[in-house]
Amino acid sequence: MYTESAIGHRRAVWSWLAQPTALFGGVYGLLVSSSAVAALTQFGETTRAARMDDALWVLFTALASALAHGYAHQIAHRDAQGRPGVRGVVRAVLAEWPLVVAALPTALLLWGAGLGWWRSAGIEYVAFGINTVLLLGWGVLASRAAGSTWGRALRIGCADALLGVAVALVSTLLK
Protein backbone atom coordinates (compact mmCIF):
# COMPACT_ATOMS: atom_id res chain seq x y z
CA MET A 1 0.00 0.00 0.00
CA TYR A 2 1.01 3.56 -0.52
CA THR A 3 1.76 5.73 2.49
CA GLU A 4 0.14 9.13 2.75
CA SER A 5 3.52 10.66 2.02
CA ALA A 6 3.87 8.69 -1.22
CA ILE A 7 0.33 9.58 -2.28
CA GLY A 8 1.00 13.25 -1.55
CA HIS A 9 4.21 13.04 -3.56
CA ARG A 10 2.33 11.53 -6.53
CA ARG A 11 -0.27 14.29 -6.38
CA ALA A 12 2.43 16.95 -6.25
CA VAL A 13 4.19 15.50 -9.32
CA TRP A 14 0.83 15.16 -11.11
CA SER A 15 -0.05 18.79 -10.34
CA TRP A 16 3.38 19.98 -11.40
CA LEU A 17 3.17 18.15 -14.76
CA ALA A 18 -0.36 19.44 -15.34
CA GLN A 19 0.70 23.09 -15.16
CA PRO A 20 0.00 24.99 -18.39
CA THR A 21 3.69 25.78 -18.95
CA ALA A 22 4.69 22.11 -18.73
CA LEU A 23 1.75 21.00 -20.90
CA PHE A 24 2.40 23.67 -23.51
CA GLY A 25 6.14 22.99 -23.59
CA GLY A 26 5.67 19.22 -23.71
CA VAL A 27 3.18 19.29 -26.55
CA TYR A 28 4.98 21.99 -28.50
CA GLY A 29 8.36 20.30 -28.06
CA LEU A 30 6.97 17.03 -29.42
CA LEU A 31 5.47 18.82 -32.42
CA VAL A 32 8.69 20.73 -33.08
CA SER A 33 10.82 17.59 -32.87
CA SER A 34 8.45 15.54 -35.04
CA SER A 35 8.33 18.24 -37.68
CA ALA A 36 12.09 18.75 -37.57
CA VAL A 37 12.95 15.07 -37.94
CA ALA A 38 10.43 14.66 -40.76
CA ALA A 39 11.76 17.71 -42.58
CA LEU A 40 15.38 16.63 -42.09
CA THR A 41 14.79 13.13 -43.42
CA GLN A 42 12.27 13.93 -46.14
CA PHE A 43 14.98 14.45 -48.74
CA GLY A 44 18.07 13.89 -46.63
CA GLU A 45 20.54 11.14 -45.96
CA THR A 46 19.85 8.31 -43.56
CA THR A 47 23.48 7.43 -42.87
CA ARG A 48 24.76 7.21 -39.31
CA ALA A 49 26.66 10.49 -39.68
CA ALA A 50 23.54 12.20 -41.03
CA ARG A 51 21.53 10.95 -38.06
CA MET A 52 24.05 12.50 -35.67
CA ASP A 53 23.61 15.79 -37.51
CA ASP A 54 19.83 15.35 -37.40
CA ALA A 55 19.95 14.86 -33.62
CA LEU A 56 21.87 18.11 -33.25
CA TRP A 57 19.42 19.94 -35.52
CA VAL A 58 16.43 18.67 -33.52
CA LEU A 59 18.05 19.95 -30.32
CA PHE A 60 19.03 23.22 -31.97
CA THR A 61 15.47 23.69 -33.28
CA ALA A 62 14.02 23.01 -29.82
CA LEU A 63 16.46 25.43 -28.19
CA ALA A 64 15.72 28.11 -30.80
CA SER A 65 11.97 27.61 -30.28
CA ALA A 66 12.39 27.88 -26.50
CA LEU A 67 14.41 31.06 -26.94
CA ALA A 68 11.79 32.55 -29.26
CA HIS A 69 8.89 31.63 -26.98
CA GLY A 70 10.59 32.88 -23.83
CA TYR A 71 11.53 36.14 -25.48
CA ALA A 72 8.02 36.58 -26.91
CA HIS A 73 6.46 35.92 -23.49
CA GLN A 74 8.77 38.48 -21.93
CA ILE A 75 7.82 41.10 -24.52
CA ALA A 76 4.10 40.31 -24.21
CA HIS A 77 4.11 40.57 -20.41
CA ARG A 78 6.46 43.53 -20.07
CA ASP A 79 3.74 45.98 -19.01
CA ALA A 80 2.33 43.63 -16.37
CA GLN A 81 5.73 42.85 -14.86
CA GLY A 82 7.37 46.22 -15.10
CA ARG A 83 10.66 46.25 -16.99
CA PRO A 84 12.87 43.51 -15.51
CA GLY A 85 15.48 43.75 -18.27
CA VAL A 86 17.95 41.02 -19.15
CA ARG A 87 17.25 38.92 -16.04
CA GLY A 88 13.56 38.85 -16.91
CA VAL A 89 14.33 37.68 -20.43
CA VAL A 90 16.68 34.99 -19.11
CA ARG A 91 14.03 33.83 -16.61
CA ALA A 92 11.37 33.73 -19.34
CA VAL A 93 13.63 31.72 -21.65
CA LEU A 94 14.61 29.28 -18.89
CA ALA A 95 10.92 28.75 -18.12
CA GLU A 96 10.60 27.16 -21.57
CA TRP A 97 12.66 24.12 -20.51
CA PRO A 98 9.73 21.66 -20.97
CA LEU A 99 9.87 22.36 -24.71
CA VAL A 100 13.51 21.29 -24.89
CA VAL A 101 12.99 18.27 -22.64
CA ALA A 102 10.12 17.08 -24.85
CA ALA A 103 12.45 17.04 -27.87
CA LEU A 104 15.01 14.83 -26.11
CA PRO A 105 13.43 11.43 -26.96
CA THR A 106 13.61 12.24 -30.68
CA ALA A 107 17.15 13.57 -30.40
CA LEU A 108 18.22 10.49 -28.40
CA LEU A 109 16.70 8.13 -30.98
CA LEU A 110 18.55 9.89 -33.77
CA TRP A 111 21.76 10.00 -31.74
CA GLY A 112 21.45 6.28 -31.00
CA ALA A 113 21.02 5.60 -34.72
CA GLY A 114 24.08 7.72 -35.37
CA LEU A 115 26.06 5.64 -32.90
CA GLY A 116 24.88 2.43 -34.54
CA TRP A 117 22.74 1.23 -31.65
CA TRP A 118 19.96 0.58 -34.15
CA ARG A 119 19.32 1.09 -37.85
CA SER A 120 19.41 4.66 -39.03
CA ALA A 121 17.10 4.08 -42.00
CA GLY A 122 13.50 4.50 -40.91
CA ILE A 123 14.25 5.75 -37.40
CA GLU A 124 12.13 8.82 -38.13
CA TYR A 125 9.04 6.58 -38.17
CA VAL A 126 9.94 5.22 -34.74
CA ALA A 127 10.46 8.75 -33.44
CA PHE A 128 7.16 9.86 -34.94
CA GLY A 129 5.37 6.89 -33.34
CA ILE A 130 6.89 7.54 -29.91
CA ASN A 131 6.03 11.22 -30.15
CA THR A 132 2.44 10.32 -31.05
CA VAL A 133 2.17 8.10 -27.96
CA LEU A 134 3.67 10.89 -25.85
CA LEU A 135 1.10 13.34 -27.29
CA LEU A 136 -1.62 10.93 -26.26
CA GLY A 137 -0.10 10.87 -22.78
CA TRP A 138 -0.02 14.66 -22.53
CA GLY A 139 -3.66 14.77 -23.69
CA VAL A 140 -4.70 12.23 -21.06
CA LEU A 141 -2.73 14.08 -18.37
CA ALA A 142 -4.30 17.43 -19.23
CA SER A 143 -7.76 15.94 -19.37
CA ARG A 144 -7.40 14.08 -16.07
CA ALA A 145 -6.01 17.23 -14.44
CA ALA A 146 -9.13 19.04 -15.64
CA GLY A 147 -11.29 16.44 -13.87
CA SER A 148 -12.28 14.12 -16.71
CA THR A 149 -12.95 10.45 -16.10
CA TRP A 150 -10.38 7.95 -17.37
CA GLY A 151 -12.60 6.97 -20.32
CA ARG A 152 -13.16 10.55 -21.40
CA ALA A 153 -9.49 11.38 -20.83
CA LEU A 154 -8.42 8.52 -23.10
CA ARG A 155 -10.80 9.66 -25.84
CA ILE A 156 -9.53 13.23 -25.54
CA GLY A 157 -5.92 11.98 -25.49
CA CYS A 158 -6.52 10.01 -28.70
CA ALA A 159 -8.06 13.06 -30.36
CA ASP A 160 -5.11 15.17 -29.19
CA ALA A 161 -2.66 12.62 -30.60
CA LEU A 162 -4.44 12.59 -33.96
CA LEU A 163 -4.52 16.38 -34.05
CA GLY A 164 -0.80 16.42 -33.19
CA VAL A 165 -0.06 14.03 -36.05
CA ALA A 166 -2.02 16.28 -38.42
CA VAL A 167 -0.19 19.39 -37.21
CA ALA A 168 3.21 17.71 -37.59
CA LEU A 169 2.35 16.48 -41.10
CA VAL A 170 1.11 19.90 -42.24
CA SER A 171 4.16 21.57 -40.70
CA THR A 172 6.44 19.11 -42.50
CA LEU A 173 4.72 19.67 -45.83
CA LEU A 174 5.14 23.42 -45.45
CA LYS A 175 8.90 23.12 -44.85
C-alpha atoms as a PDB file:
ATOM      1  CA  MET A   1       0.000   0.000   0.000  1.00  0.00           C
ATOM      2  CA  TYR A   2       1.014   3.565  -0.518  1.00  0.00           C
ATOM      3  CA  THR A   3       1.759   5.727   2.491  1.00  0.00           C
ATOM      4  CA  GLU A   4       0.137   9.129   2.755  1.00  0.00           C
ATOM      5  CA  SER A   5       3.519  10.663   2.017  1.00  0.00           C
ATOM      6  CA  ALA A   6       3.867   8.687  -1.224  1.00  0.00           C
ATOM      7  CA  ILE A   7       0.329   9.576  -2.283  1.00  0.00           C
ATOM      8  CA  GLY A   8       0.998  13.250  -1.547  1.00  0.00           C
ATOM      9  CA  HIS A   9       4.207  13.039  -3.562  1.00  0.00           C
ATOM     10  CA  ARG A  10       2.332  11.531  -6.529  1.00  0.00           C
ATOM     11  CA  ARG A  11      -0.266  14.291  -6.382  1.00  0.00           C
ATOM     12  CA  ALA A  12       2.434  16.948  -6.247  1.00  0.00           C
ATOM     13  CA  VAL A  13       4.188  15.504  -9.320  1.00  0.00           C
ATOM     14  CA  TRP A  14       0.835  15.165 -11.114  1.00  0.00           C
ATOM     15  CA  SER A  15      -0.052  18.794 -10.339  1.00  0.00           C
ATOM     16  CA  TRP A  16       3.375  19.981 -11.395  1.00  0.00           C
ATOM     17  CA  LEU A  17       3.173  18.154 -14.762  1.00  0.00           C
ATOM     18  CA  ALA A  18      -0.361  19.442 -15.336  1.00  0.00           C
ATOM     19  CA  GLN A  19       0.702  23.087 -15.164  1.00  0.00           C
ATOM     20  CA  PRO A  20       0.000  24.993 -18.391  1.00  0.00           C
ATOM     21  CA  THR A  21       3.691  25.775 -18.948  1.00  0.00           C
ATOM     22  CA  ALA A  22       4.686  22.106 -18.735  1.00  0.00           C
ATOM     23  CA  LEU A  23       1.751  21.001 -20.896  1.00  0.00           C
ATOM     24  CA  PHE A  24       2.404  23.670 -23.509  1.00  0.00           C
ATOM     25  CA  GLY A  25       6.135  22.987 -23.586  1.00  0.00           C
ATOM     26  CA  GLY A  26       5.670  19.224 -23.709  1.00  0.00           C
ATOM     27  CA  VAL A  27       3.182  19.285 -26.551  1.00  0.00           C
ATOM     28  CA  TYR A  28       4.978  21.987 -28.499  1.00  0.00           C
ATOM     29  CA  GLY A  29       8.363  20.301 -28.060  1.00  0.00           C
ATOM     30  CA  LEU A  30       6.974  17.033 -29.424  1.00  0.00           C
ATOM     31  CA  LEU A  31       5.468  18.816 -32.416  1.00  0.00           C
ATOM     32  CA  VAL A  32       8.687  20.732 -33.084  1.00  0.00           C
ATOM     33  CA  SER A  33      10.823  17.594 -32.872  1.00  0.00           C
ATOM     34  CA  SER A  34       8.445  15.538 -35.038  1.00  0.00           C
ATOM     35  CA  SER A  35       8.331  18.243 -37.684  1.00  0.00           C
ATOM     36  CA  ALA A  36      12.093  18.752 -37.571  1.00  0.00           C
ATOM     37  CA  VAL A  37      12.950  15.072 -37.941  1.00  0.00           C
ATOM     38  CA  ALA A  38      10.430  14.658 -40.755  1.00  0.00           C
ATOM     39  CA  ALA A  39      11.762  17.713 -42.576  1.00  0.00           C
ATOM     40  CA  LEU A  40      15.377  16.626 -42.086  1.00  0.00           C
ATOM     41  CA  THR A  41      14.792  13.131 -43.420  1.00  0.00           C
ATOM     42  CA  GLN A  42      12.269  13.930 -46.136  1.00  0.00           C
ATOM     43  CA  PHE A  43      14.981  14.450 -48.743  1.00  0.00           C
ATOM     44  CA  GLY A  44      18.068  13.888 -46.633  1.00  0.00           C
ATOM     45  CA  GLU A  45      20.535  11.143 -45.961  1.00  0.00           C
ATOM     46  CA  THR A  46      19.852   8.309 -43.564  1.00  0.00           C
ATOM     47  CA  THR A  47      23.484   7.429 -42.867  1.00  0.00           C
ATOM     48  CA  ARG A  48      24.764   7.206 -39.312  1.00  0.00           C
ATOM     49  CA  ALA A  49      26.660  10.489 -39.680  1.00  0.00           C
ATOM     50  CA  ALA A  50      23.538  12.203 -41.033  1.00  0.00           C
ATOM     51  CA  ARG A  51      21.527  10.950 -38.055  1.00  0.00           C
ATOM     52  CA  MET A  52      24.047  12.495 -35.665  1.00  0.00           C
ATOM     53  CA  ASP A  53      23.613  15.793 -37.511  1.00  0.00           C
ATOM     54  CA  ASP A  54      19.826  15.351 -37.404  1.00  0.00           C
ATOM     55  CA  ALA A  55      19.947  14.864 -33.618  1.00  0.00           C
ATOM     56  CA  LEU A  56      21.871  18.114 -33.246  1.00  0.00           C
ATOM     57  CA  TRP A  57      19.424  19.936 -35.520  1.00  0.00           C
ATOM     58  CA  VAL A  58      16.434  18.666 -33.524  1.00  0.00           C
ATOM     59  CA  LEU A  59      18.051  19.952 -30.322  1.00  0.00           C
ATOM     60  CA  PHE A  60      19.027  23.225 -31.966  1.00  0.00           C
ATOM     61  CA  THR A  61      15.470  23.692 -33.279  1.00  0.00           C
ATOM     62  CA  ALA A  62      14.018  23.006 -29.822  1.00  0.00           C
ATOM     63  CA  LEU A  63      16.457  25.431 -28.194  1.00  0.00           C
ATOM     64  CA  ALA A  64      15.717  28.109 -30.798  1.00  0.00           C
ATOM     65  CA  SER A  65      11.971  27.610 -30.282  1.00  0.00           C
ATOM     66  CA  ALA A  66      12.389  27.876 -26.504  1.00  0.00           C
ATOM     67  CA  LEU A  67      14.406  31.056 -26.939  1.00  0.00           C
ATOM     68  CA  ALA A  68      11.787  32.550 -29.261  1.00  0.00           C
ATOM     69  CA  HIS A  69       8.890  31.632 -26.979  1.00  0.00           C
ATOM     70  CA  GLY A  70      10.592  32.876 -23.834  1.00  0.00           C
ATOM     71  CA  TYR A  71      11.526  36.142 -25.479  1.00  0.00           C
ATOM     72  CA  ALA A  72       8.019  36.580 -26.907  1.00  0.00           C
ATOM     73  CA  HIS A  73       6.463  35.920 -23.488  1.00  0.00           C
ATOM     74  CA  GLN A  74       8.769  38.480 -21.925  1.00  0.00           C
ATOM     75  CA  ILE A  75       7.823  41.103 -24.517  1.00  0.00           C
ATOM     76  CA  ALA A  76       4.105  40.309 -24.210  1.00  0.00           C
ATOM     77  CA  HIS A  77       4.106  40.575 -20.411  1.00  0.00           C
ATOM     78  CA  ARG A  78       6.458  43.529 -20.065  1.00  0.00           C
ATOM     79  CA  ASP A  79       3.742  45.977 -19.015  1.00  0.00           C
ATOM     80  CA  ALA A  80       2.327  43.625 -16.373  1.00  0.00           C
ATOM     81  CA  GLN A  81       5.735  42.851 -14.863  1.00  0.00           C
ATOM     82  CA  GLY A  82       7.374  46.224 -15.103  1.00  0.00           C
ATOM     83  CA  ARG A  83      10.660  46.247 -16.987  1.00  0.00           C
ATOM     84  CA  PRO A  84      12.865  43.511 -15.508  1.00  0.00           C
ATOM     85  CA  GLY A  85      15.481  43.748 -18.265  1.00  0.00           C
ATOM     86  CA  VAL A  86      17.949  41.021 -19.153  1.00  0.00           C
ATOM     87  CA  ARG A  87      17.249  38.922 -16.035  1.00  0.00           C
ATOM     88  CA  GLY A  88      13.562  38.853 -16.914  1.00  0.00           C
ATOM     89  CA  VAL A  89      14.333  37.678 -20.432  1.00  0.00           C
ATOM     90  CA  VAL A  90      16.678  34.987 -19.107  1.00  0.00           C
ATOM     91  CA  ARG A  91      14.031  33.827 -16.613  1.00  0.00           C
ATOM     92  CA  ALA A  92      11.373  33.727 -19.337  1.00  0.00           C
ATOM     93  CA  VAL A  93      13.633  31.717 -21.653  1.00  0.00           C
ATOM     94  CA  LEU A  94      14.612  29.282 -18.889  1.00  0.00           C
ATOM     95  CA  ALA A  95      10.918  28.752 -18.117  1.00  0.00           C
ATOM     96  CA  GLU A  96      10.605  27.164 -21.568  1.00  0.00           C
ATOM     97  CA  TRP A  97      12.665  24.123 -20.515  1.00  0.00           C
ATOM     98  CA  PRO A  98       9.732  21.661 -20.975  1.00  0.00           C
ATOM     99  CA  LEU A  99       9.866  22.363 -24.713  1.00  0.00           C
ATOM    100  CA  VAL A 100      13.511  21.295 -24.893  1.00  0.00           C
ATOM    101  CA  VAL A 101      12.990  18.265 -22.645  1.00  0.00           C
ATOM    102  CA  ALA A 102      10.118  17.081 -24.854  1.00  0.00           C
ATOM    103  CA  ALA A 103      12.452  17.045 -27.870  1.00  0.00           C
ATOM    104  CA  LEU A 104      15.011  14.830 -26.107  1.00  0.00           C
ATOM    105  CA  PRO A 105      13.429  11.435 -26.958  1.00  0.00           C
ATOM    106  CA  THR A 106      13.607  12.242 -30.677  1.00  0.00           C
ATOM    107  CA  ALA A 107      17.150  13.568 -30.400  1.00  0.00           C
ATOM    108  CA  LEU A 108      18.223  10.493 -28.404  1.00  0.00           C
ATOM    109  CA  LEU A 109      16.700   8.133 -30.977  1.00  0.00           C
ATOM    110  CA  LEU A 110      18.551   9.895 -33.774  1.00  0.00           C
ATOM    111  CA  TRP A 111      21.760   9.999 -31.745  1.00  0.00           C
ATOM    112  CA  GLY A 112      21.451   6.281 -31.001  1.00  0.00           C
ATOM    113  CA  ALA A 113      21.016   5.597 -34.715  1.00  0.00           C
ATOM    114  CA  GLY A 114      24.077   7.721 -35.374  1.00  0.00           C
ATOM    115  CA  LEU A 115      26.063   5.638 -32.901  1.00  0.00           C
ATOM    116  CA  GLY A 116      24.879   2.433 -34.545  1.00  0.00           C
ATOM    117  CA  TRP A 117      22.739   1.234 -31.647  1.00  0.00           C
ATOM    118  CA  TRP A 118      19.955   0.584 -34.154  1.00  0.00           C
ATOM    119  CA  ARG A 119      19.315   1.087 -37.847  1.00  0.00           C
ATOM    120  CA  SER A 120      19.409   4.659 -39.027  1.00  0.00           C
ATOM    121  CA  ALA A 121      17.104   4.077 -42.001  1.00  0.00           C
ATOM    122  CA  GLY A 122      13.496   4.500 -40.908  1.00  0.00           C
ATOM    123  CA  ILE A 123      14.250   5.752 -37.397  1.00  0.00           C
ATOM    124  CA  GLU A 124      12.130   8.821 -38.134  1.00  0.00           C
ATOM    125  CA  TYR A 125       9.041   6.576 -38.167  1.00  0.00           C
ATOM    126  CA  VAL A 126       9.937   5.216 -34.739  1.00  0.00           C
ATOM    127  CA  ALA A 127      10.456   8.754 -33.436  1.00  0.00           C
ATOM    128  CA  PHE A 128       7.161   9.865 -34.944  1.00  0.00           C
ATOM    129  CA  GLY A 129       5.367   6.890 -33.344  1.00  0.00           C
ATOM    130  CA  ILE A 130       6.886   7.536 -29.914  1.00  0.00           C
ATOM    131  CA  ASN A 131       6.034  11.219 -30.148  1.00  0.00           C
ATOM    132  CA  THR A 132       2.439  10.321 -31.045  1.00  0.00           C
ATOM    133  CA  VAL A 133       2.167   8.100 -27.963  1.00  0.00           C
ATOM    134  CA  LEU A 134       3.667  10.889 -25.851  1.00  0.00           C
ATOM    135  CA  LEU A 135       1.105  13.344 -27.287  1.00  0.00           C
ATOM    136  CA  LEU A 136      -1.618  10.926 -26.265  1.00  0.00           C
ATOM    137  CA  GLY A 137      -0.101  10.866 -22.783  1.00  0.00           C
ATOM    138  CA  TRP A 138      -0.022  14.658 -22.529  1.00  0.00           C
ATOM    139  CA  GLY A 139      -3.657  14.773 -23.690  1.00  0.00           C
ATOM    140  CA  VAL A 140      -4.698  12.230 -21.057  1.00  0.00           C
ATOM    141  CA  LEU A 141      -2.730  14.077 -18.374  1.00  0.00           C
ATOM    142  CA  ALA A 142      -4.303  17.427 -19.227  1.00  0.00           C
ATOM    143  CA  SER A 143      -7.764  15.940 -19.375  1.00  0.00           C
ATOM    144  CA  ARG A 144      -7.397  14.077 -16.075  1.00  0.00           C
ATOM    145  CA  ALA A 145      -6.005  17.228 -14.439  1.00  0.00           C
ATOM    146  CA  ALA A 146      -9.129  19.037 -15.641  1.00  0.00           C
ATOM    147  CA  GLY A 147     -11.287  16.441 -13.873  1.00  0.00           C
ATOM    148  CA  SER A 148     -12.275  14.125 -16.712  1.00  0.00           C
ATOM    149  CA  THR A 149     -12.950  10.447 -16.095  1.00  0.00           C
ATOM    150  CA  TRP A 150     -10.382   7.951 -17.367  1.00  0.00           C
ATOM    151  CA  GLY A 151     -12.599   6.968 -20.325  1.00  0.00           C
ATOM    152  CA  ARG A 152     -13.161  10.552 -21.405  1.00  0.00           C
ATOM    153  CA  ALA A 153      -9.486  11.384 -20.828  1.00  0.00           C
ATOM    154  CA  LEU A 154      -8.424   8.517 -23.100  1.00  0.00           C
ATOM    155  CA  ARG A 155     -10.805   9.663 -25.837  1.00  0.00           C
ATOM    156  CA  ILE A 156      -9.533  13.228 -25.541  1.00  0.00           C
ATOM    157  CA  GLY A 157      -5.922  11.976 -25.490  1.00  0.00           C
ATOM    158  CA  CYS A 158      -6.522  10.006 -28.702  1.00  0.00           C
ATOM    159  CA  ALA A 159      -8.060  13.063 -30.358  1.00  0.00           C
ATOM    160  CA  ASP A 160      -5.115  15.171 -29.187  1.00  0.00           C
ATOM    161  CA  ALA A 161      -2.655  12.620 -30.596  1.00  0.00           C
ATOM    162  CA  LEU A 162      -4.437  12.593 -33.965  1.00  0.00           C
ATOM    163  CA  LEU A 163      -4.516  16.375 -34.046  1.00  0.00           C
ATOM    164  CA  GLY A 164      -0.799  16.416 -33.186  1.00  0.00           C
ATOM    165  CA  VAL A 165      -0.061  14.035 -36.053  1.00  0.00           C
ATOM    166  CA  ALA A 166      -2.020  16.280 -38.422  1.00  0.00           C
ATOM    167  CA  VAL A 167      -0.186  19.395 -37.210  1.00  0.00           C
ATOM    168  CA  ALA A 168       3.214  17.714 -37.591  1.00  0.00           C
ATOM    169  CA  LEU A 169       2.345  16.484 -41.095  1.00  0.00           C
ATOM    170  CA  VAL A 170       1.111  19.900 -42.235  1.00  0.00           C
ATOM    171  CA  SER A 171       4.159  21.569 -40.699  1.00  0.00           C
ATOM    172  CA  THR A 172       6.438  19.107 -42.495  1.00  0.00           C
ATOM    173  CA  LEU A 173       4.722  19.669 -45.830  1.00  0.00           C
ATOM    174  CA  LEU A 174       5.135  23.423 -45.452  1.00  0.00           C
ATOM    175  CA  LYS A 175       8.904  23.123 -44.851  1.00  0.00           C
END
